[in-house]
C-alpha atoms as a PDB file:
ATOM      1  CA  MET A   1      15.667   8.299 -13.682  1.00  0.00           C
ATOM      2  CA  LYS A   2      16.545   5.663 -11.070  1.00  0.00           C
ATOM      3  CA  SER A   3      15.658   7.686  -7.972  1.00  0.00           C
ATOM      4  CA  LYS A   4      12.247   8.499  -9.466  1.00  0.00           C
ATOM      5  CA  TRP A   5      11.677   4.833 -10.271  1.00  0.00           C
ATOM      6  CA  ILE A   6      12.223   3.911  -6.626  1.00  0.00           C
ATOM      7  CA  SER A   7       9.525   6.411  -5.709  1.00  0.00           C
ATOM      8  CA  VAL A   8       7.160   4.851  -8.255  1.00  0.00           C
ATOM      9  CA  MET A   9       7.563   1.420  -6.702  1.00  0.00           C
ATOM     10  CA  PHE A  10       7.151   2.767  -3.157  1.00  0.00           C
ATOM     11  CA  ALA A  11       3.899   4.490  -4.110  1.00  0.00           C
ATOM     12  CA  ALA A  12       2.636   1.287  -5.677  1.00  0.00           C
ATOM     13  CA  LEU A  13       3.377  -0.621  -2.489  1.00  0.00           C
ATOM     14  CA  VAL A  14       1.476   1.925  -0.430  1.00  0.00           C
ATOM     15  CA  LEU A  15      -1.666   1.367  -2.473  1.00  0.00           C
ATOM     16  CA  ALA A  16      -1.303  -2.327  -3.241  1.00  0.00           C
ATOM     17  CA  GLY A  17      -0.063  -3.642   0.073  1.00  0.00           C
ATOM     18  CA  CYS A  18       0.093  -1.985   3.484  1.00  0.00           C
ATOM     19  CA  GLY A  19      -0.078  -4.032   6.712  1.00  0.00           C
ATOM     20  CA  SER A  20      -3.200  -4.668   8.811  1.00  0.00           C
ATOM     21  CA  ASP A  21      -4.733  -7.539  10.771  1.00  0.00           C
ATOM     22  CA  GLU A  22      -8.328  -6.305  10.741  1.00  0.00           C
ATOM     23  CA  ALA A  23      -9.560  -9.146   8.523  1.00  0.00           C
ATOM     24  CA  GLY A  24      -8.225 -11.663  11.084  1.00  0.00           C
ATOM     25  CA  LYS A  25     -10.974 -10.778  13.587  1.00  0.00           C
ATOM     26  CA  GLY A  26     -14.181 -12.749  13.997  1.00  0.00           C
ATOM     27  CA  GLU A  27     -15.315 -16.338  14.266  1.00  0.00           C
ATOM     28  CA  LYS A  28     -13.482 -19.180  12.566  1.00  0.00           C
ATOM     29  CA  LYS A  29     -16.495 -19.856  10.357  1.00  0.00           C
ATOM     30  CA  GLU A  30     -16.416 -16.270   9.111  1.00  0.00           C
ATOM     31  CA  GLN A  31     -12.695 -16.609   8.401  1.00  0.00           C
ATOM     32  CA  VAL A  32     -13.277 -19.722   6.280  1.00  0.00           C
ATOM     33  CA  ALA A  33     -16.064 -17.965   4.393  1.00  0.00           C
ATOM     34  CA  GLY A  34     -13.779 -15.003   3.839  1.00  0.00           C
ATOM     35  CA  GLN A  35     -11.055 -17.268   2.492  1.00  0.00           C
ATOM     36  CA  GLU A  36     -13.513 -18.877   0.069  1.00  0.00           C
ATOM     37  CA  SER A  37     -14.677 -15.437  -1.053  1.00  0.00           C
ATOM     38  CA  ALA A  38     -11.090 -14.278  -1.530  1.00  0.00           C
ATOM     39  CA  ALA A  39     -10.370 -17.375  -3.604  1.00  0.00           C
ATOM     40  CA  LYS A  40     -13.378 -16.598  -5.803  1.00  0.00           C
ATOM     41  CA  GLU A  41     -12.198 -13.008  -6.221  1.00  0.00           C
ATOM     42  CA  LYS A  42      -8.798 -14.265  -7.290  1.00  0.00           C
ATOM     43  CA  VAL A  43     -10.357 -16.350 -10.071  1.00  0.00           C
ATOM     44  CA  ASP A  44     -12.529 -13.429 -11.187  1.00  0.00           C
ATOM     45  CA  ASN A  45      -9.437 -11.224 -11.179  1.00  0.00           C
ATOM     46  CA  ASN A  46      -8.177 -12.754 -14.422  1.00  0.00           C
ATOM     47  CA  LYS A  47      -7.020  -9.818 -16.562  1.00  0.00           C
ATOM     48  CA  ALA A  48      -9.233 -11.106 -19.397  1.00  0.00           C
ATOM     49  CA  ASN A  49     -12.239 -10.141 -17.240  1.00  0.00           C
ATOM     50  CA  LEU A  50     -11.028  -6.621 -16.448  1.00  0.00           C
ATOM     51  CA  ALA A  51     -12.908  -4.876 -19.263  1.00  0.00           C
ATOM     52  CA  LYS A  52     -16.142  -6.596 -18.205  1.00  0.00           C
ATOM     53  CA  ILE A  53     -15.847  -5.230 -14.656  1.00  0.00           C
ATOM     54  CA  PHE A  54     -16.020  -1.671 -16.007  1.00  0.00           C
ATOM     55  CA  ALA A  55     -19.623  -1.752 -17.194  1.00  0.00           C
ATOM     56  CA  GLU A  56     -21.090   0.832 -19.561  1.00  0.00           C
ATOM     57  CA  GLY A  57     -22.700   3.837 -17.918  1.00  0.00           C
ATOM     58  CA  SER A  58     -22.179   7.189 -16.195  1.00  0.00           C
ATOM     59  CA  TYR A  59     -20.639   7.365 -12.740  1.00  0.00           C
ATOM     60  CA  LYS A  60     -19.761   9.928 -10.079  1.00  0.00           C
ATOM     61  CA  ALA A  61     -16.213   9.121  -9.001  1.00  0.00           C
ATOM     62  CA  ASP A  62     -14.532  10.171  -5.781  1.00  0.00           C
ATOM     63  CA  VAL A  63     -11.104  11.711  -6.314  1.00  0.00           C
ATOM     64  CA  MET A  64      -8.939  10.409  -3.480  1.00  0.00           C
ATOM     65  CA  ALA A  65      -5.485  11.181  -2.123  1.00  0.00           C
ATOM     66  CA  ILE A  66      -3.061   9.297   0.107  1.00  0.00           C
ATOM     67  CA  GLY A  67      -1.457  11.326   2.838  1.00  0.00           C
ATOM     68  CA  LEU A  68      -0.314  11.596   6.430  1.00  0.00           C
ATOM     69  CA  PRO A  69      -2.084  13.427   9.253  1.00  0.00           C
ATOM     70  CA  ALA A  70      -0.917  17.060   9.396  1.00  0.00           C
ATOM     71  CA  ASP A  71       1.506  16.603  12.314  1.00  0.00           C
ATOM     72  CA  LEU A  72       3.174  13.528  10.823  1.00  0.00           C
ATOM     73  CA  ASN A  73       3.297  15.125   7.395  1.00  0.00           C
ATOM     74  CA  LYS A  74       5.213  18.085   8.818  1.00  0.00           C
ATOM     75  CA  LYS A  75       7.639  15.678  10.499  1.00  0.00           C
ATOM     76  CA  MET A  76       8.051  13.722   7.253  1.00  0.00           C
ATOM     77  CA  GLU A  77       8.765  16.873   5.226  1.00  0.00           C
ATOM     78  CA  LYS A  78      11.453  17.989   7.668  1.00  0.00           C
ATOM     79  CA  ILE A  79      13.179  14.588   7.670  1.00  0.00           C
ATOM     80  CA  THR A  80      13.084  14.127   3.901  1.00  0.00           C
ATOM     81  CA  GLU A  81      14.351  17.654   3.290  1.00  0.00           C
ATOM     82  CA  THR A  82      17.313  16.991   5.584  1.00  0.00           C
ATOM     83  CA  MET A  83      18.001  13.633   3.936  1.00  0.00           C
ATOM     84  CA  GLN A  84      17.794  15.038   0.400  1.00  0.00           C
ATOM     85  CA  THR A  85      20.317  17.730   1.290  1.00  0.00           C
ATOM     86  CA  SER A  86      22.702  15.127   2.680  1.00  0.00           C
ATOM     87  CA  LEU A  87      22.290  12.791  -0.307  1.00  0.00           C
ATOM     88  CA  ALA A  88      23.042  15.661  -2.671  1.00  0.00           C
ATOM     89  CA  GLN A  89      26.348  16.062  -0.844  1.00  0.00           C
ATOM     90  CA  ASN A  90      27.017  12.311  -0.945  1.00  0.00           C
ATOM     91  CA  GLU A  91      25.681  11.522  -4.406  1.00  0.00           C
ATOM     92  CA  GLU A  92      28.546   9.199  -5.417  1.00  0.00           C
ATOM     93  CA  TRP A  93      28.207   7.136  -2.223  1.00  0.00           C
ATOM     94  CA  PHE A  94      24.418   6.909  -2.649  1.00  0.00           C
ATOM     95  CA  SER A  95      24.725   5.716  -6.264  1.00  0.00           C
ATOM     96  CA  GLU A  96      27.207   3.026  -5.264  1.00  0.00           C
ATOM     97  CA  VAL A  97      25.000   1.777  -2.433  1.00  0.00           C
ATOM     98  CA  LEU A  98      21.928   1.655  -4.691  1.00  0.00           C
ATOM     99  CA  ALA A  99      23.838  -0.268  -7.345  1.00  0.00           C
ATOM    100  CA  GLY A 100      24.824  -2.877  -4.751  1.00  0.00           C
ATOM    101  CA  LEU A 101      21.298  -3.544  -3.488  1.00  0.00           C
ATOM    102  CA  ALA A 102      19.452  -6.681  -4.552  1.00  0.00           C
ATOM    103  CA  GLU A 103      15.948  -6.320  -5.982  1.00  0.00           C
ATOM    104  CA  GLY A 104      13.546  -5.534  -3.147  1.00  0.00           C
ATOM    105  CA  GLU A 105      16.343  -4.988  -0.627  1.00  0.00           C
ATOM    106  CA  ILE A 106      15.893  -2.005   1.707  1.00  0.00           C
ATOM    107  CA  LEU A 107      18.580   0.645   1.811  1.00  0.00           C
ATOM    108  CA  PRO A 108      20.371   0.109   5.164  1.00  0.00           C
ATOM    109  CA  TYR A 109      20.742   3.015   7.554  1.00  0.00           C
ATOM    110  CA  HIS A 110      23.947   5.049   7.310  1.00  0.00           C
ATOM    111  CA  GLU A 111      24.949   8.335   8.906  1.00  0.00           C
ATOM    112  CA  LYS A 112      25.514   9.765   5.412  1.00  0.00           C
ATOM    113  CA  LEU A 113      21.734   9.821   5.023  1.00  0.00           C
ATOM    114  CA  GLY A 114      21.938  12.908   7.236  1.00  0.00           C
ATOM    115  CA  ILE A 115      19.214  11.797   9.648  1.00  0.00           C
ATOM    116  CA  THR A 116      19.105   9.724  12.830  1.00  0.00           C
ATOM    117  CA  GLU A 117      18.424   6.000  12.837  1.00  0.00           C
ATOM    118  CA  GLU A 118      15.115   6.687  14.592  1.00  0.00           C
ATOM    119  CA  GLU A 119      14.103   9.177  11.894  1.00  0.00           C
ATOM    120  CA  TYR A 120      15.014   6.669   9.167  1.00  0.00           C
ATOM    121  CA  LYS A 121      12.878   4.030  10.882  1.00  0.00           C
ATOM    122  CA  PHE A 122       9.990   6.519  10.831  1.00  0.00           C
ATOM    123  CA  LEU A 123      10.419   6.922   7.056  1.00  0.00           C
ATOM    124  CA  LEU A 124      10.425   3.160   6.500  1.00  0.00           C
ATOM    125  CA  GLU A 125       7.307   2.702   8.610  1.00  0.00           C
ATOM    126  CA  ALA A 126       5.451   5.786   7.332  1.00  0.00           C
ATOM    127  CA  ASP A 127       3.039   3.624   5.333  1.00  0.00           C
ATOM    128  CA  GLN A 128       1.518   2.499   8.642  1.00  0.00           C
ATOM    129  CA  HIS A 129       0.197   6.028   9.134  1.00  0.00           C
ATOM    130  CA  PHE A 130      -1.061   6.811   5.628  1.00  0.00           C
ATOM    131  CA  GLN A 131      -4.734   7.647   5.181  1.00  0.00           C
ATOM    132  CA  LEU A 132      -6.963   7.767   2.107  1.00  0.00           C
ATOM    133  CA  GLY A 133      -9.200  10.833   1.921  1.00  0.00           C
ATOM    134  CA  LYS A 134     -11.638  12.332  -0.576  1.00  0.00           C
ATOM    135  CA  VAL A 135     -10.439  15.561  -2.177  1.00  0.00           C
ATOM    136  CA  GLY A 136     -12.986  16.000  -4.968  1.00  0.00           C
ATOM    137  CA  GLU A 137     -15.397  14.410  -7.452  1.00  0.00           C
ATOM    138  CA  SER A 138     -15.279  13.606 -11.140  1.00  0.00           C
ATOM    139  CA  ASP A 139     -17.849  12.515 -13.744  1.00  0.00           C
ATOM    140  CA  ILE A 140     -16.916   9.234 -15.445  1.00  0.00           C
ATOM    141  CA  THR A 141     -18.435   7.829 -18.632  1.00  0.00           C
ATOM    142  CA  ILE A 142     -17.789   4.236 -19.724  1.00  0.00           C
ATOM    143  CA  THR A 143     -18.664   2.907 -23.178  1.00  0.00           C
ATOM    144  CA  ARG A 144     -18.328  -0.636 -24.536  1.00  0.00           C
ATOM    145  CA  ALA A 145     -17.357  -1.666 -28.078  1.00  0.00           C
ATOM    146  CA  ASP A 146     -15.732  -4.824 -29.469  1.00  0.00           C
ATOM    147  CA  GLU A 147     -15.567  -6.262 -25.906  1.00  0.00           C
ATOM    148  CA  GLN A 148     -13.394  -3.310 -24.861  1.00  0.00           C
ATOM    149  CA  SER A 149     -14.264  -0.712 -22.210  1.00  0.00           C
ATOM    150  CA  THR A 150     -13.366   2.943 -22.715  1.00  0.00           C
ATOM    151  CA  ILE A 151     -13.310   5.158 -19.636  1.00  0.00           C
ATOM    152  CA  GLN A 152     -13.649   8.881 -20.262  1.00  0.00           C
ATOM    153  CA  ASN A 153     -12.837  11.426 -17.567  1.00  0.00           C
ATOM    154  CA  PRO A 154     -12.620  14.939 -19.099  1.00  0.00           C
ATOM    155  CA  THR A 155     -11.587  16.617 -15.833  1.00  0.00           C
ATOM    156  CA  ALA A 156      -8.793  14.151 -15.021  1.00  0.00           C
ATOM    157  CA  SER A 157      -5.420  15.652 -14.201  1.00  0.00           C
ATOM    158  CA  ILE A 158      -3.445  12.945 -16.057  1.00  0.00           C
ATOM    159  CA  VAL A 159      -5.321  10.402 -18.202  1.00  0.00           C
ATOM    160  CA  LYS A 160      -8.567  11.669 -19.719  1.00  0.00           C
ATOM    161  CA  GLU A 161      -9.366   8.575 -21.802  1.00  0.00           C
ATOM    162  CA  LEU A 162      -8.455   4.960 -21.117  1.00  0.00           C
ATOM    163  CA  THR A 163      -9.401   1.837 -23.091  1.00  0.00           C
ATOM    164  CA  ILE A 164      -9.071  -1.655 -21.592  1.00  0.00           C
ATOM    165  CA  SER A 165      -8.387  -4.273 -24.263  1.00  0.00           C
ATOM    166  CA  ALA A 166     -10.676  -7.296 -24.472  1.00  0.00           C
ATOM    167  CA  ASP A 167      -7.905  -9.654 -23.327  1.00  0.00           C
ATOM    168  CA  GLY A 168      -6.624  -7.301 -20.617  1.00  0.00           C
ATOM    169  CA  ASN A 169      -3.098  -7.274 -22.012  1.00  0.00           C
ATOM    170  CA  THR A 170      -2.953  -3.551 -22.726  1.00  0.00           C
ATOM    171  CA  LEU A 171      -4.407  -0.198 -21.746  1.00  0.00           C
ATOM    172  CA  THR A 172      -4.621   2.528 -24.374  1.00  0.00           C
ATOM    173  CA  SER A 173      -4.604   6.083 -23.050  1.00  0.00           C
ATOM    174  CA  ASN A 174      -4.479   9.583 -24.510  1.00  0.00           C
ATOM    175  CA  LEU A 175      -0.815   9.617 -23.408  1.00  0.00           C
ATOM    176  CA  GLY A 176       0.083   6.315 -25.066  1.00  0.00           C
ATOM    177  CA  ASP A 177      -0.160   2.535 -24.659  1.00  0.00           C
ATOM    178  CA  LEU A 178       0.570   0.743 -21.389  1.00  0.00           C
ATOM    179  CA  THR A 179       1.654  -2.890 -21.226  1.00  0.00           C
ATOM    180  CA  TYR A 180       0.787  -5.434 -18.561  1.00  0.00           C
ATOM    181  CA  VAL A 181       3.119  -5.696 -15.548  1.00  0.00           C
ATOM    182  CA  GLU A 182       1.556  -7.807 -12.809  1.00  0.00           C
ATOM    183  CA  GLU A 183      -1.523  -8.787 -10.833  1.00  0.00           C
ATOM    184  CA  ILE A 184      -2.662  -7.170  -7.585  1.00  0.00           C
ATOM    185  CA  ILE A 185      -4.123  -9.762  -5.218  1.00  0.00           C
ATOM    186  CA  ALA A 186      -6.412  -8.714  -2.350  1.00  0.00           C
ATOM    187  CA  SER A 187      -4.526  -8.785   0.935  1.00  0.00           C
ATOM    188  CA  ASP A 188      -5.049  -7.915   4.595  1.00  0.00           C
ATOM    189  CA  GLU A 189      -1.920  -5.780   4.202  1.00  0.00           C
ATOM    190  CA  GLN A 190      -3.841  -3.243   2.085  1.00  0.00           C
ATOM    191  CA  ILE A 191      -4.665  -1.053   5.076  1.00  0.00           C
ATOM    192  CA  VAL A 192      -5.017   2.273   3.276  1.00  0.00           C
ATOM    193  CA  THR A 193      -7.587   1.175   0.700  1.00  0.00           C
ATOM    194  CA  GLY A 194      -9.003  -2.024   2.106  1.00  0.00           C
ATOM    195  CA  ARG A 195      -8.675  -5.344   0.246  1.00  0.00           C
ATOM    196  CA  TRP A 196      -8.756  -5.040  -3.536  1.00  0.00           C
ATOM    197  CA  ASN A 197      -7.860  -7.017  -6.644  1.00  0.00           C
ATOM    198  CA  GLY A 198      -6.517  -5.605  -9.849  1.00  0.00           C
ATOM    199  CA  HIS A 199      -3.665  -5.274 -12.309  1.00  0.00           C
ATOM    200  CA  ILE A 200      -0.722  -2.947 -12.926  1.00  0.00           C
ATOM    201  CA  TYR A 201       0.157  -1.525 -16.355  1.00  0.00           C
ATOM    202  CA  ARG A 202       3.078   0.679 -17.306  1.00  0.00           C
ATOM    203  CA  MET A 203       4.394   2.844 -20.128  1.00  0.00           C
ATOM    204  CA  GLY A 204       8.093   3.681 -20.063  1.00  0.00           C
ATOM    205  CA  GLY A 205      10.870   2.480 -17.792  1.00  0.00           C
ATOM    206  CA  GLU A 206      14.066   3.324 -15.943  1.00  0.00           C
ATOM    207  CA  ASN A 207      15.790   4.871 -18.952  1.00  0.00           C
ATOM    208  CA  THR A 208      12.854   6.857 -20.325  1.00  0.00           C
ATOM    209  CA  LYS A 209      11.970  10.475 -19.654  1.00  0.00           C
ATOM    210  CA  GLN A 210       8.370   9.604 -18.883  1.00  0.00           C
ATOM    211  CA  VAL A 211       6.837   6.807 -16.807  1.00  0.00           C
ATOM    212  CA  LEU A 212       3.076   6.327 -16.693  1.00  0.00           C
ATOM    213  CA  GLN A 213       1.756   3.624 -14.377  1.00  0.00           C
ATOM    214  CA  ILE A 214      -1.863   2.653 -13.800  1.00  0.00           C
ATOM    215  CA  SER A 215      -3.118   0.259 -11.141  1.00  0.00           C
ATOM    216  CA  ILE A 216      -6.717  -0.667 -11.888  1.00  0.00           C
ATOM    217  CA  GLY A 217      -9.232  -3.053 -10.329  1.00  0.00           C
ATOM    218  CA  GLN A 218     -12.010  -3.457  -7.773  1.00  0.00           C
ATOM    219  CA  LEU A 219     -12.429  -3.304  -3.991  1.00  0.00           C
ATOM    220  CA  GLU A 220     -13.321  -6.709  -2.602  1.00  0.00           C
ATOM    221  CA  ASP A 221     -16.131  -5.701  -0.228  1.00  0.00           C
ATOM    222  CA  SER A 222     -17.844  -2.656  -1.748  1.00  0.00           C
ATOM    223  CA  LYS A 223     -17.056  -3.675  -5.362  1.00  0.00           C
ATOM    224  CA  LYS A 224     -16.080  -0.071  -6.061  1.00  0.00           C
ATOM    225  CA  LYS A 225     -13.727   0.367  -9.015  1.00  0.00           C
ATOM    226  CA  VAL A 226     -10.231   1.721  -8.391  1.00  0.00           C
ATOM    227  CA  ILE A 227      -7.997   3.549 -10.881  1.00  0.00           C
ATOM    228  CA  TYR A 228      -4.663   4.733  -9.485  1.00  0.00           C
ATOM    229  CA  THR A 229      -2.612   6.723 -11.993  1.00  0.00           C
ATOM    230  CA  LYS A 230       0.952   7.993 -11.557  1.00  0.00           C
ATOM    231  CA  LEU A 231       3.005  10.038 -14.007  1.00  0.00           C
ATOM    232  CA  PHE A 232       6.720  10.851 -13.749  1.00  0.00           C
ATOM    233  CA  GLU A 233       8.393  13.184 -16.216  1.00  0.00           C
ATOM    234  CA  ASP A 234      11.922  14.552 -16.177  1.00  0.00           C
ATOM    235  CA  GLY A 235      11.938  18.137 -14.994  1.00  0.00           C
ATOM    236  CA  HIS A 236       8.452  17.930 -13.500  1.00  0.00           C
ATOM    237  CA  GLU A 237       6.994  16.983 -10.135  1.00  0.00           C
ATOM    238  CA  LYS A 238       5.297  13.608  -9.825  1.00  0.00           C
ATOM    239  CA  LYS A 239       1.576  13.620 -10.633  1.00  0.00           C
ATOM    240  CA  GLU A 240      -0.879  11.100  -9.262  1.00  0.00           C
ATOM    241  CA  GLU A 241      -4.627  10.617  -9.189  1.00  0.00           C
ATOM    242  CA  ILE A 242      -6.801   8.033  -7.444  1.00  0.00           C
ATOM    243  CA  LEU A 243     -10.400   7.467  -8.529  1.00  0.00           C
ATOM    244  CA  MET A 244     -13.004   5.292  -6.790  1.00  0.00           C
ATOM    245  CA  PHE A 245     -16.555   4.756  -8.035  1.00  0.00           C
END
């Protein structure tokens, strides 16, 4: 499931950290104030406070999707289709190259990818063109018990019920339990969503047939809640759902 796992991590990077310098504009005084605010958000982002952020009540959530503008999406599809065909013909080479990469290292360009160096650069920089758009709405209900928050979303495409533990160490879903992975810290590089803090949880791994990953937290400016769910299963296309409310 290695190739799928790479896709999981890429998707996470798109949501949790894409480049922008918008927050660098403005007067120096405003920058200092922003830094102080960001520092406060970081303290409040302790996973033990996560359940408290999701207060009891009923909410109308926006169902969002990350994508490229139509023209760039068509270009992306053509390039990836060509590359996938070439990799299928050079599967042994691709596996060897992947095995030799250090953690976080980018796959270097090679003609066996089946595309031009310029096209490969476009793939690597595609996150600079991603946009977040509303594709629907969903009714969310949150209840609180024993210092835990349970989020119910009957119309969700993946996780219909999610409970945040009081200490923030685990998420319990209708698909199973997710364990804590790492913190998401608000950054100017989060161009697609805007700055947000949160945490990543995961069920499954590289050698499992199913990987469920949830990134959950709060936008820094609007204070809207974010729940980004991704599900990978052998033999099935990737599913993902982004909720903001």
